Amino acid sequence: MKFTNKTIATTKNNSLKVILENMKPQIAKAIEMCVAQEVAHNIERRPGYEVNEFGRECIEMGLLFDLYKSVVSYTRDSDEVKNFEAGISIKGNFEMSGTIVRDGEDNYFRCEAIIADGMINRRHVRYITKTSLPKDNMEEANKIKAIIKKNNKINTIQSYIDTLIGYKNDTQESYDKGMKLSREDHKQILIEKESWLIENYFNFTKEELVQRGWEKRETYTKWCNEANEDQIDRRVSHIEGKLRRVSQLEKSIKKEEIKLAKAKAL
């Protein structure tokens, strides 16, 4: 609730302060709801996935932007809150209602928060606001929008860094495991894959042996042995190449970390 609490402590908009104070339990509940859905959405392809603190902040900012855009955009710093109360509507949704005084005149204000689901949209909160005040103040919403834009950029870069780190760790692990294999281990793997060449000299016709230069059995046997050794060499070379891949990924990660630092500094 970092941004919610910060706004309550610093805002000059009394209506915003009252609305946020009333909405704190609902905002907290909505954050947890979105976190749970985010985990459920990612857990299958990313086992052990968790939403970190920055991710929670991004979710909170998105919720606040919708709240500001739909509710707070009707209010001004100079407005006075005459009375305000929160409860549950007859539909079972969280509801706020009260009177906001502007230029000496009372204005009714009522807002209902609805949890919305859909086949396309993720679960989110919709705000249905009814008030006699005109919707003309987007200053607070635009502030949040600017932060969201920055956070989205940071989140995109960080997500890519996390992906690169995952690739690097997997490649390093594959290299470490591969380098422990002996040539006999590689041979057994090739045998299991039915890729190991087994001498079958007498299955060839005389013409086939002549065409391939295998008139002598020793020549054919030598060719088989060399071909099998080449297979092992290629496997070892492929494993050794993973270390170069690790180095390339480390360079890419450093480049992205520089981008991330710049994005955070903006």
Protein backbone atom coordinates (compact mmCIF):
# COMPACT_ATOMS: atom_id res chain seq x y z
CA MET A 1 0.00 0.00 0.00
CA LYS A 2 3.02 2.25 -0.54
CA PHE A 3 1.42 4.72 -2.96
CA THR A 4 -1.98 4.72 -1.28
CA ASN A 5 -0.48 5.64 2.09
CA LYS A 6 1.88 8.17 0.51
CA THR A 7 -1.01 9.90 -1.28
CA ILE A 8 -3.11 10.02 1.89
CA ALA A 9 -0.18 11.60 3.75
CA THR A 10 0.70 14.20 1.11
CA THR A 11 -2.39 15.09 -0.94
CA LYS A 12 -4.03 18.49 -0.63
CA ASN A 13 -7.25 17.08 -2.04
CA ASN A 14 -9.52 16.40 0.96
CA SER A 15 -11.95 14.35 -1.11
CA LEU A 16 -9.13 12.15 -2.38
CA LYS A 17 -7.84 11.65 1.15
CA VAL A 18 -11.30 10.64 2.44
CA ILE A 19 -11.95 8.34 -0.53
CA LEU A 20 -8.59 6.59 -0.17
CA GLU A 21 -8.99 6.23 3.60
CA ASN A 22 -12.34 4.53 3.00
CA MET A 23 -10.98 2.45 0.13
CA LYS A 24 -7.80 1.13 1.83
CA PRO A 25 -9.27 -2.28 2.75
CA GLN A 26 -10.73 -2.67 -0.75
CA ILE A 27 -7.48 -1.59 -2.44
CA ALA A 28 -5.53 -4.09 -0.32
CA LYS A 29 -8.04 -6.83 -1.17
CA ALA A 30 -7.89 -5.95 -4.88
CA ILE A 31 -4.07 -6.06 -4.85
CA GLU A 32 -4.13 -9.59 -3.36
CA MET A 33 -6.79 -10.63 -5.86
CA CYS A 34 -4.67 -9.40 -8.79
CA VAL A 35 -1.52 -10.97 -7.33
CA ALA A 36 -3.27 -14.34 -7.03
CA GLN A 37 -4.47 -14.13 -10.62
CA GLU A 38 -1.03 -13.10 -11.84
CA VAL A 39 0.51 -16.13 -10.11
CA ALA A 40 -2.16 -18.46 -11.50
CA HIS A 41 -1.56 -17.06 -14.99
CA ASN A 42 2.21 -17.67 -14.86
CA ILE A 43 2.70 -20.67 -12.57
CA GLU A 44 2.27 -23.32 -15.26
CA ARG A 45 4.97 -22.00 -17.59
CA ARG A 46 7.09 -20.53 -14.79
CA PRO A 47 7.04 -22.93 -11.79
CA GLY A 48 7.64 -21.19 -8.49
CA TYR A 49 6.58 -17.82 -9.94
CA GLU A 50 5.92 -15.10 -7.36
CA VAL A 51 4.94 -11.45 -7.65
CA ASN A 52 7.76 -9.37 -6.14
CA GLU A 53 7.39 -6.09 -4.28
CA PHE A 54 7.84 -4.03 -7.44
CA GLY A 55 5.18 -6.11 -9.16
CA ARG A 56 2.79 -5.41 -6.29
CA GLU A 57 3.54 -1.69 -6.60
CA CYS A 58 2.73 -1.81 -10.31
CA ILE A 59 -0.59 -3.54 -9.55
CA GLU A 60 -1.38 -0.93 -6.90
CA MET A 61 -0.59 1.91 -9.32
CA GLY A 62 -2.92 0.41 -11.91
CA LEU A 63 -5.72 0.16 -9.35
CA LEU A 64 -5.14 3.74 -8.20
CA PHE A 65 -5.14 5.02 -11.78
CA ASP A 66 -8.58 3.46 -12.39
CA LEU A 67 -9.79 4.89 -9.08
CA TYR A 68 -8.47 8.37 -9.84
CA LYS A 69 -9.77 8.33 -13.40
CA SER A 70 -13.25 7.20 -12.44
CA VAL A 71 -13.71 8.82 -9.04
CA VAL A 72 -11.19 11.47 -8.07
CA SER A 73 -11.35 13.20 -11.44
CA TYR A 74 -14.59 14.81 -10.22
CA THR A 75 -12.96 16.52 -7.24
CA ARG A 76 -10.74 19.55 -6.62
CA ASP A 77 -8.32 20.55 -3.87
CA SER A 78 -10.67 23.37 -2.89
CA ASP A 79 -13.64 21.02 -2.33
CA GLU A 80 -14.79 20.30 1.21
CA VAL A 81 -16.10 16.95 2.39
CA LYS A 82 -19.30 17.51 4.35
CA ASN A 83 -19.98 13.89 5.16
CA PHE A 84 -18.91 10.54 3.82
CA GLU A 85 -19.71 6.93 4.63
CA ALA A 86 -18.81 3.54 3.24
CA GLY A 87 -20.70 0.27 3.22
CA ILE A 88 -21.99 -2.59 1.11
CA SER A 89 -24.57 -1.97 -1.62
CA ILE A 90 -27.65 -4.16 -2.11
CA LYS A 91 -25.70 -5.91 -4.89
CA GLY A 92 -22.99 -6.86 -2.42
CA ASN A 93 -20.43 -4.38 -3.77
CA PHE A 94 -18.38 -1.85 -1.82
CA GLU A 95 -20.10 1.54 -1.91
CA MET A 96 -19.20 5.07 -0.86
CA SER A 97 -21.57 8.01 -0.65
CA GLY A 98 -21.51 11.51 0.75
CA THR A 99 -21.71 15.23 0.14
CA ILE A 100 -18.97 17.37 -1.34
CA VAL A 101 -19.20 21.14 -1.00
CA ARG A 102 -17.94 23.27 -3.89
CA ASP A 103 -18.30 27.04 -4.02
CA GLY A 104 -20.79 26.87 -1.14
CA GLU A 105 -23.05 24.34 -2.86
CA ASP A 106 -23.71 20.76 -1.75
CA ASN A 107 -23.09 18.05 -4.36
CA TYR A 108 -24.06 14.42 -3.93
CA PHE A 109 -21.41 11.81 -4.57
CA ARG A 110 -21.93 8.05 -4.80
CA CYS A 111 -19.52 5.39 -6.03
CA GLU A 112 -19.85 1.62 -6.28
CA ALA A 113 -16.76 -0.59 -6.76
CA ILE A 114 -17.41 -3.72 -8.84
CA ILE A 115 -15.10 -6.67 -9.32
CA ALA A 116 -15.16 -7.39 -13.06
CA ASP A 117 -14.07 -10.55 -14.86
CA GLY A 118 -13.96 -11.49 -18.51
CA MET A 119 -12.67 -13.97 -21.06
CA ILE A 120 -10.28 -11.34 -22.47
CA ASN A 121 -9.70 -8.85 -19.64
CA ARG A 122 -7.96 -9.81 -16.44
CA ARG A 123 -9.92 -9.44 -13.21
CA HIS A 124 -10.10 -5.77 -12.28
CA VAL A 125 -12.14 -3.19 -10.37
CA ARG A 126 -14.71 -1.01 -12.11
CA TYR A 127 -16.02 2.13 -10.47
CA ILE A 128 -19.53 3.40 -11.20
CA THR A 129 -19.73 6.98 -10.01
CA LYS A 130 -22.85 9.12 -9.81
CA THR A 131 -22.45 12.75 -8.80
CA SER A 132 -23.66 16.23 -9.57
CA LEU A 133 -20.03 17.36 -9.97
CA PRO A 134 -18.59 17.72 -13.47
CA LYS A 135 -15.71 15.48 -14.51
CA ASP A 136 -12.96 17.99 -15.19
CA ASN A 137 -9.93 17.17 -13.04
CA MET A 138 -7.52 14.59 -14.46
CA GLU A 139 -4.40 15.99 -12.77
CA GLU A 140 -4.07 13.21 -10.18
CA ALA A 141 -4.89 10.52 -12.75
CA ASN A 142 -2.29 11.90 -15.16
CA LYS A 143 0.36 11.84 -12.42
CA ILE A 144 -0.35 8.19 -11.85
CA LYS A 145 -0.39 7.54 -15.60
CA ALA A 146 3.13 8.97 -15.93
CA ILE A 147 4.38 6.73 -13.11
CA ILE A 148 2.67 3.71 -14.65
CA LYS A 149 4.35 4.41 -17.99
CA LYS A 150 7.74 4.53 -16.27
CA ASN A 151 7.02 1.41 -14.23
CA ASN A 152 5.87 -0.49 -17.32
CA LYS A 153 9.17 0.29 -19.00
CA ILE A 154 11.10 -0.79 -15.90
CA ASN A 155 9.00 -3.93 -15.60
CA THR A 156 9.56 -4.84 -19.27
CA ILE A 157 13.34 -4.48 -18.95
CA GLN A 158 13.42 -6.35 -15.63
CA SER A 159 11.30 -9.16 -17.05
CA TYR A 160 13.71 -9.50 -19.97
CA ILE A 161 16.67 -9.52 -17.56
CA ASP A 162 14.97 -12.27 -15.53
CA THR A 163 14.46 -14.26 -18.74
CA LEU A 164 18.12 -13.85 -19.73
CA ILE A 165 19.23 -14.89 -16.24
CA GLY A 166 17.05 -17.98 -16.55
CA TYR A 167 18.62 -18.82 -19.90
CA LYS A 168 22.11 -18.27 -18.48
CA ASN A 169 21.49 -20.46 -15.44
CA ASP A 170 19.98 -23.25 -17.55
CA THR A 171 22.88 -23.08 -20.02
CA GLN A 172 25.47 -23.08 -17.23
CA GLU A 173 23.79 -26.07 -15.59
CA SER A 174 23.70 -27.92 -18.91
CA TYR A 175 27.41 -27.16 -19.43
CA ASP A 176 28.36 -28.30 -15.93
CA LYS A 177 26.46 -31.56 -16.30
CA GLY A 178 27.76 -32.16 -19.82
CA MET A 179 31.40 -31.66 -18.89
CA LYS A 180 31.13 -34.41 -16.28
CA LEU A 181 30.36 -36.98 -18.98
CA SER A 182 33.12 -39.28 -20.16
CA ARG A 183 33.49 -40.41 -23.76
CA GLU A 184 32.07 -43.76 -22.66
CA ASP A 185 29.02 -41.89 -21.27
CA HIS A 186 28.53 -40.18 -24.62
CA LYS A 187 28.84 -43.54 -26.35
CA GLN A 188 26.08 -45.00 -24.18
CA ILE A 189 23.83 -42.01 -24.91
CA LEU A 190 24.36 -42.47 -28.66
CA ILE A 191 23.64 -46.19 -28.33
CA GLU A 192 20.38 -45.44 -26.49
CA LYS A 193 19.45 -42.96 -29.21
CA GLU A 194 20.27 -45.67 -31.79
CA SER A 195 22.81 -43.30 -33.37
CA TRP A 196 25.90 -45.38 -32.64
CA LEU A 197 27.20 -47.09 -35.79
CA ILE A 198 27.43 -50.86 -35.39
CA GLU A 199 29.64 -52.78 -37.80
CA ASN A 200 27.55 -54.63 -40.37
CA TYR A 201 30.14 -55.22 -43.10
CA PHE A 202 28.51 -58.36 -44.43
CA ASN A 203 25.15 -56.66 -44.98
CA PHE A 204 26.60 -54.71 -47.95
CA THR A 205 26.85 -56.12 -51.44
CA LYS A 206 30.24 -56.41 -53.07
CA GLU A 207 29.32 -53.59 -55.46
CA GLU A 208 28.35 -51.28 -52.55
CA LEU A 209 31.61 -52.00 -50.76
CA VAL A 210 33.61 -51.22 -53.90
CA GLN A 211 31.69 -47.98 -54.51
CA ARG A 212 32.45 -46.79 -50.98
CA GLY A 213 36.06 -47.90 -50.96
CA TRP A 214 35.47 -50.57 -48.35
CA GLU A 215 36.85 -53.58 -50.21
CA LYS A 216 38.78 -54.48 -47.08
CA ARG A 217 36.92 -55.02 -43.84
CA GLU A 218 39.61 -53.17 -41.90
CA THR A 219 38.90 -50.04 -43.99
CA TYR A 220 35.18 -50.24 -43.17
CA THR A 221 35.87 -50.85 -39.48
CA LYS A 222 38.19 -47.85 -39.37
CA TRP A 223 35.53 -45.68 -41.00
CA CYS A 224 32.90 -46.79 -38.44
CA ASN A 225 35.21 -46.07 -35.53
CA GLU A 226 36.13 -42.63 -36.85
CA ALA A 227 32.49 -41.79 -37.53
CA ASN A 228 31.53 -42.75 -33.99
CA GLU A 229 34.42 -40.77 -32.51
CA ASP A 230 33.33 -37.77 -34.61
CA GLN A 231 29.85 -38.08 -33.11
CA ILE A 232 31.31 -37.90 -29.61
CA ASP A 233 33.53 -34.95 -30.61
CA ARG A 234 30.52 -33.06 -31.91
CA ARG A 235 28.64 -33.68 -28.67
CA VAL A 236 31.59 -32.45 -26.60
CA SER A 237 32.02 -29.42 -28.88
CA HIS A 238 28.33 -28.59 -28.49
CA ILE A 239 28.64 -28.73 -24.71
CA GLU A 240 31.77 -26.56 -24.75
CA GLY A 241 29.87 -24.06 -26.88
CA LYS A 242 27.42 -23.57 -24.02
CA LEU A 243 30.12 -21.76 -22.07
CA ARG A 244 30.40 -19.22 -24.91
CA ARG A 245 26.62 -18.87 -24.77
CA VAL A 246 26.84 -18.16 -21.02
CA SER A 247 29.40 -15.41 -21.72
CA GLN A 248 27.17 -13.87 -24.41
CA LEU A 249 24.18 -13.93 -22.07
CA GLU A 250 26.20 -12.24 -19.31
CA LYS A 251 27.07 -9.42 -21.72
CA SER A 252 23.41 -9.06 -22.70
CA ILE A 253 22.36 -8.97 -19.04
CA LYS A 254 24.86 -6.20 -18.29
CA LYS A 255 23.54 -4.14 -21.23
CA GLU A 256 19.97 -4.53 -20.01
CA GLU A 257 20.98 -3.63 -16.45
CA ILE A 258 22.40 -0.35 -17.78
CA LYS A 259 19.06 0.31 -19.53
CA LEU A 260 17.23 -0.54 -16.31
CA ALA A 261 19.33 1.89 -14.26
CA LYS A 262 18.63 4.66 -16.79
CA ALA A 263 14.90 3.90 -16.78
CA LYS A 264 14.77 4.07 -12.98
CA ALA A 265 16.70 7.36 -12.98
CA LEU A 266 14.23 9.13 -15.28
